[in-house]
Amino acid sequence: MKRAAFLSCAGAALIAMPALAASLRGRIGSIARALPGVLGVYARTLAEAPPLVAYNASERFPTASIIKVLVMTTAYALDEAHPGVLNEKIVFHSDELIGGSDFMVGARDGQKFTVRELIVPMITMSDNTAANLLIGHFGVATINEIGARAGMTRTHLARRFLDYTAIAHHNDNLSTPADVGRLLYLVEHGAREGVPTIVSSEHCVAMLDIMLRQTDRDAIPAALPPHVAVANKTGEIDGTRNDIAVVAPFGDSPFILAVMTKDAYDYGASYAAIHAVTRAVYASVSRLA
């Protein structure tokens, strides 16, 4: 039944999308003009059609923690090429602990964690130390290679988290709404269709399951009805509030939404913009269902 409903939705999208997309773009433009900063939005269904909206979607924004989804994807991609990667052990040293590490703050010096054990807090709690351990284990070049393989042509992981020397030299982690939307599309498409995309279907499902346990629900999830499941990852640094999500990943009408901001220091206004974008996109997808 879900498959039939999804195909019906996809067919409706092909017919109704042009007019709907024009209306939605106008609404997103109004939201963007009201924000004291820069807003980027990319939204699409799983239908083989242009995106519902792509507003500043190819412009680069600081990623903050949303790039951790690419780090997670790298782990699963490497495990497929070399089975056992997820069970490889990484040693934690206490001098590696940095801020924003609610999980790793309780770790002992010399404690060992598997890659799989670090992925979960990196995503669900956005643990920065866990992310840095994984980045160090895989290497920046490998992570960027997996991003390129996913078609993320304007994404660049330049540094670990809270690397103040790199920050001072303006070496920032950058991506675009279209790039991160592309990655989430591959994950959702692989999970739903049971086909390999950037990783196997099974690994796509595993990544969505982890993202569904995200603890920060103040951005995209907060603007949706309580019954709607959201597999998301947030990111925030000075001037930036981001959230990327697969909305209703195992439902009848899933969609991808990436909202990014920069040069936006009124964080109340940033969250209000993310909420307004989310409600507008959700209403549009609902009309297609």
Protein backbone atom coordinates (compact mmCIF):
# COMPACT_ATOMS: atom_id res chain seq x y z
CA MET A 1 0.00 0.00 0.00
CA LYS A 2 2.77 2.44 0.87
CA ARG A 3 4.51 1.78 -2.43
CA ALA A 4 1.27 2.37 -4.35
CA ALA A 5 0.55 5.54 -2.42
CA PHE A 6 4.05 6.81 -3.03
CA LEU A 7 3.84 6.19 -6.76
CA SER A 8 0.47 7.94 -6.85
CA CYS A 9 1.99 10.93 -5.06
CA ALA A 10 4.93 10.97 -7.45
CA GLY A 11 2.60 10.98 -10.44
CA ALA A 12 0.58 13.83 -9.00
CA ALA A 13 3.78 15.75 -8.34
CA LEU A 14 4.79 15.58 -11.99
CA ILE A 15 1.51 17.21 -13.00
CA ALA A 16 1.08 19.79 -10.23
CA MET A 17 4.68 20.69 -9.45
CA PRO A 18 5.36 23.60 -11.86
CA ALA A 19 2.57 25.83 -10.53
CA LEU A 20 3.14 24.73 -6.97
CA ALA A 21 6.88 25.36 -7.23
CA ALA A 22 6.31 28.90 -8.51
CA SER A 23 4.00 29.67 -5.61
CA LEU A 24 6.36 28.11 -3.08
CA ARG A 25 9.37 29.99 -4.42
CA GLY A 26 7.48 33.25 -3.98
CA ARG A 27 6.72 32.35 -0.38
CA ILE A 28 10.32 31.37 0.34
CA GLY A 29 11.52 34.61 -1.24
CA SER A 30 9.32 36.60 1.14
CA ILE A 31 10.68 34.68 4.12
CA ALA A 32 14.25 35.26 2.94
CA ARG A 33 13.76 39.00 2.49
CA ALA A 34 12.45 39.28 6.04
CA LEU A 35 15.49 37.55 7.52
CA PRO A 36 18.41 39.79 8.58
CA GLY A 37 20.93 37.51 6.93
CA VAL A 38 21.17 35.05 4.04
CA LEU A 39 18.80 32.11 3.65
CA GLY A 40 19.28 29.05 1.48
CA VAL A 41 16.62 26.40 0.88
CA TYR A 42 16.41 23.18 -1.08
CA ALA A 43 13.35 20.94 -1.01
CA ARG A 44 12.27 18.02 -3.13
CA THR A 45 10.10 14.94 -3.09
CA LEU A 46 11.36 11.59 -4.32
CA ALA A 47 9.63 12.08 -7.66
CA GLU A 48 11.88 12.30 -10.71
CA ALA A 49 11.19 15.98 -11.18
CA PRO A 50 12.83 19.34 -10.47
CA PRO A 51 12.99 20.36 -6.80
CA LEU A 52 9.97 21.93 -5.17
CA VAL A 53 12.14 24.92 -4.38
CA ALA A 54 15.80 25.82 -4.76
CA TYR A 55 16.48 29.24 -3.24
CA ASN A 56 20.17 30.19 -3.01
CA ALA A 57 20.53 26.42 -3.22
CA SER A 58 23.96 26.49 -4.90
CA GLU A 59 25.38 29.18 -2.64
CA ARG A 60 27.94 28.03 -0.10
CA PHE A 61 27.12 28.29 3.59
CA PRO A 62 29.08 27.26 6.70
CA THR A 63 27.95 23.74 7.48
CA ALA A 64 28.43 23.69 11.24
CA SER A 65 27.41 20.21 12.41
CA ILE A 66 25.28 19.17 9.44
CA ILE A 67 28.47 17.93 7.75
CA LYS A 68 28.50 15.16 10.34
CA VAL A 69 25.98 13.38 8.12
CA LEU A 70 28.72 13.13 5.47
CA VAL A 71 31.14 11.80 8.10
CA MET A 72 28.57 9.12 9.00
CA THR A 73 28.05 8.29 5.33
CA THR A 74 31.82 7.90 4.92
CA ALA A 75 31.89 5.32 7.70
CA TYR A 76 29.19 3.22 6.06
CA ALA A 77 30.70 3.60 2.59
CA LEU A 78 34.10 2.45 3.83
CA ASP A 79 32.54 -0.46 5.68
CA GLU A 80 31.07 -1.67 2.40
CA ALA A 81 34.43 -1.42 0.66
CA HIS A 82 36.26 -2.98 3.60
CA PRO A 83 33.85 -4.95 5.82
CA GLY A 84 34.61 -4.45 9.48
CA VAL A 85 35.29 -0.70 9.39
CA LEU A 86 32.29 -0.02 11.63
CA ASN A 87 33.84 -2.26 14.28
CA GLU A 88 37.30 -0.72 14.13
CA LYS A 89 38.37 0.73 17.47
CA ILE A 90 39.54 4.28 18.08
CA VAL A 91 41.39 5.27 21.24
CA PHE A 92 40.24 8.42 23.04
CA HIS A 93 42.77 10.59 24.86
CA SER A 94 41.53 13.12 27.38
CA ASP A 95 43.41 16.00 25.73
CA GLU A 96 41.18 15.48 22.65
CA LEU A 97 38.03 16.48 24.53
CA ILE A 98 36.47 19.71 23.23
CA GLY A 99 33.30 21.66 23.93
CA GLY A 100 29.97 20.41 22.71
CA SER A 101 30.71 16.81 23.70
CA ASP A 102 27.99 15.73 26.09
CA PHE A 103 28.65 12.04 25.41
CA MET A 104 32.45 11.97 25.34
CA VAL A 105 32.80 14.12 28.46
CA GLY A 106 32.22 10.94 30.45
CA ALA A 107 34.91 8.92 28.62
CA ARG A 108 38.09 7.73 30.33
CA ASP A 109 41.56 8.53 29.04
CA GLY A 110 42.61 5.62 26.85
CA GLN A 111 39.07 4.29 26.44
CA LYS A 112 38.37 2.57 23.13
CA PHE A 113 35.26 3.13 21.03
CA THR A 114 34.22 1.44 17.83
CA VAL A 115 33.38 3.57 14.80
CA ARG A 116 29.78 2.43 15.19
CA GLU A 117 29.70 3.57 18.82
CA LEU A 118 30.97 7.04 17.92
CA ILE A 119 28.57 7.59 15.02
CA VAL A 120 25.49 7.54 17.23
CA PRO A 121 26.41 10.39 19.64
CA MET A 122 27.98 12.33 16.78
CA ILE A 123 24.56 12.46 15.12
CA THR A 124 22.00 12.19 17.91
CA MET A 125 23.80 14.49 20.37
CA SER A 126 26.04 16.30 17.84
CA ASP A 127 29.06 15.31 19.94
CA ASN A 128 32.05 17.25 18.58
CA THR A 129 34.76 15.06 20.10
CA ALA A 130 33.19 11.93 18.62
CA ALA A 131 33.10 13.69 15.24
CA ASN A 132 36.76 14.71 15.50
CA LEU A 133 37.81 11.17 16.37
CA LEU A 134 36.05 9.89 13.27
CA ILE A 135 37.45 12.65 11.06
CA GLY A 136 40.93 11.83 12.31
CA HIS A 137 40.35 8.12 11.75
CA PHE A 138 39.12 8.44 8.15
CA GLY A 139 41.01 11.55 7.07
CA VAL A 140 39.63 14.75 5.58
CA ALA A 141 40.56 13.73 2.03
CA THR A 142 38.61 10.47 2.25
CA ILE A 143 35.51 12.21 3.59
CA ASN A 144 35.66 14.77 0.79
CA GLU A 145 36.08 11.94 -1.72
CA ILE A 146 32.88 10.29 -0.50
CA GLY A 147 31.14 13.66 -0.77
CA ALA A 148 32.31 14.01 -4.36
CA ARG A 149 31.08 10.48 -5.07
CA ALA A 150 27.66 11.57 -3.80
CA GLY A 151 27.64 14.49 -6.22
CA MET A 152 28.35 17.10 -3.53
CA THR A 153 30.44 19.24 -5.87
CA ARG A 154 30.43 22.39 -3.73
CA THR A 155 31.03 20.74 -0.36
CA HIS A 156 34.38 20.89 1.39
CA LEU A 157 35.39 19.58 4.80
CA ALA A 158 38.39 21.73 5.69
CA ARG A 159 38.92 21.13 9.40
CA ARG A 160 37.93 19.36 12.56
CA PHE A 161 35.43 20.89 14.94
CA LEU A 162 36.59 23.80 17.11
CA ASP A 163 39.96 23.96 15.36
CA TYR A 164 40.58 27.60 16.22
CA THR A 165 43.79 27.88 14.21
CA ALA A 166 41.97 26.78 11.07
CA ILE A 167 39.06 29.06 11.89
CA ALA A 168 41.42 32.03 12.26
CA HIS A 169 42.72 31.30 8.76
CA HIS A 170 39.13 31.14 7.43
CA ASN A 171 39.38 27.42 6.66
CA ASP A 172 35.75 26.59 7.17
CA ASN A 173 33.57 23.61 6.40
CA LEU A 174 31.26 24.62 3.57
CA SER A 175 28.37 23.17 1.61
CA THR A 176 25.18 24.17 -0.17
CA PRO A 177 21.52 23.37 0.42
CA ALA A 178 21.48 21.50 -2.91
CA ASP A 179 24.52 19.39 -1.98
CA VAL A 180 23.24 18.28 1.42
CA GLY A 181 19.79 17.78 -0.08
CA ARG A 182 21.38 15.54 -2.70
CA LEU A 183 23.02 13.42 0.01
CA LEU A 184 19.77 13.00 1.93
CA TYR A 185 17.93 12.14 -1.28
CA LEU A 186 20.41 9.32 -1.97
CA VAL A 187 19.94 7.99 1.57
CA GLU A 188 16.13 8.11 1.45
CA HIS A 189 15.95 6.76 -2.12
CA GLY A 190 18.21 3.85 -1.21
CA ALA A 191 16.22 3.02 1.91
CA ARG A 192 12.82 3.28 0.22
CA GLU A 193 13.60 1.52 -3.05
CA GLY A 194 15.87 -1.16 -1.60
CA VAL A 195 18.66 -0.25 -4.00
CA PRO A 196 22.28 0.80 -3.45
CA THR A 197 22.96 4.51 -3.86
CA ILE A 198 25.90 6.09 -2.06
CA VAL A 199 25.73 3.05 0.26
CA SER A 200 23.62 -0.10 0.39
CA SER A 201 19.91 0.04 1.12
CA GLU A 202 20.54 -1.56 4.52
CA HIS A 203 23.05 1.11 5.44
CA CYS A 204 20.70 3.83 4.20
CA VAL A 205 18.05 2.50 6.59
CA ALA A 206 20.60 2.37 9.42
CA MET A 207 21.57 6.01 8.88
CA LEU A 208 17.95 7.15 8.83
CA ASP A 209 17.29 5.23 12.04
CA ILE A 210 20.13 7.11 13.73
CA MET A 211 18.97 10.50 12.43
CA LEU A 212 15.46 9.78 13.70
CA ARG A 213 16.97 9.77 17.20
CA GLN A 214 18.30 13.32 16.86
CA THR A 215 17.81 15.15 20.18
CA ASP A 216 17.78 18.71 18.79
CA ARG A 217 14.23 19.20 17.57
CA ASP A 218 14.02 23.00 17.69
CA ALA A 219 14.28 23.72 13.95
CA ILE A 220 12.53 21.69 11.22
CA PRO A 221 10.76 19.20 13.56
CA ALA A 222 9.31 21.99 15.70
CA ALA A 223 7.32 23.32 12.73
CA LEU A 224 5.72 20.00 11.82
CA PRO A 225 2.75 18.15 13.32
CA PRO A 226 3.82 15.94 16.26
CA HIS A 227 2.94 12.73 14.41
CA VAL A 228 5.36 13.41 11.55
CA ALA A 229 8.66 11.53 11.85
CA VAL A 230 11.76 13.59 11.05
CA ALA A 231 15.28 12.27 10.43
CA ASN A 232 17.31 15.44 10.81
CA LYS A 233 20.68 16.96 11.69
CA THR A 234 21.13 20.47 12.96
CA GLY A 235 24.18 22.72 12.95
CA GLU A 236 24.96 26.02 14.56
CA ILE A 237 27.91 28.38 14.83
CA ASP A 238 28.08 32.16 15.05
CA GLY A 239 25.80 33.65 12.43
CA THR A 240 24.53 30.26 11.26
CA ARG A 241 21.57 28.07 12.08
CA ASN A 242 21.10 25.04 9.80
CA ASP A 243 18.83 22.03 9.71
CA ILE A 244 18.58 19.29 7.10
CA ALA A 245 16.00 16.53 7.16
CA VAL A 246 14.19 13.67 5.56
CA VAL A 247 10.60 14.30 6.58
CA ALA A 248 8.38 11.23 6.98
CA PRO A 249 11.17 8.92 5.76
CA PHE A 250 9.11 5.76 6.06
CA GLY A 251 5.75 7.36 5.30
CA ASP A 252 3.74 7.65 2.10
CA SER A 253 4.97 11.10 1.04
CA PRO A 254 8.55 11.69 2.20
CA PHE A 255 10.43 14.80 1.24
CA ILE A 256 13.89 16.27 1.61
CA LEU A 257 14.38 19.70 3.17
CA ALA A 258 17.64 21.60 3.71
CA VAL A 259 17.58 25.06 5.27
CA MET A 260 20.83 26.97 5.82
CA THR A 261 21.63 30.49 7.01
CA LYS A 262 24.68 32.72 7.22
CA ASP A 263 25.43 36.25 8.41
CA ALA A 264 22.27 35.89 10.49
CA TYR A 265 22.87 36.87 14.10
CA ASP A 266 19.27 37.26 15.22
CA TYR A 267 18.79 33.62 16.11
CA GLY A 268 15.13 34.04 16.96
CA ALA A 269 14.60 35.35 13.43
CA SER A 270 16.63 32.46 12.01
CA TYR A 271 14.50 29.84 13.75
CA ALA A 272 11.34 31.69 12.74
CA ALA A 273 12.52 31.59 9.11
CA ILE A 274 13.31 27.86 9.31
CA HIS A 275 9.88 27.22 10.81
CA ALA A 276 8.13 29.29 8.15
CA VAL A 277 10.00 27.51 5.35
CA THR A 278 9.19 24.12 6.85
CA ARG A 279 5.48 24.89 7.14
CA ALA A 280 5.35 26.21 3.57
CA VAL A 281 7.09 23.14 2.12
CA TYR A 282 5.01 20.73 4.21
CA ALA A 283 1.81 22.40 3.04
CA SER A 284 2.93 22.12 -0.57
CA VAL A 285 3.80 18.43 -0.26
CA SER A 286 0.47 17.80 1.48
CA ARG A 287 -1.35 19.29 -1.50
CA LEU A 288 0.45 16.82 -3.77
CA ALA A 289 -0.45 13.77 -1.70
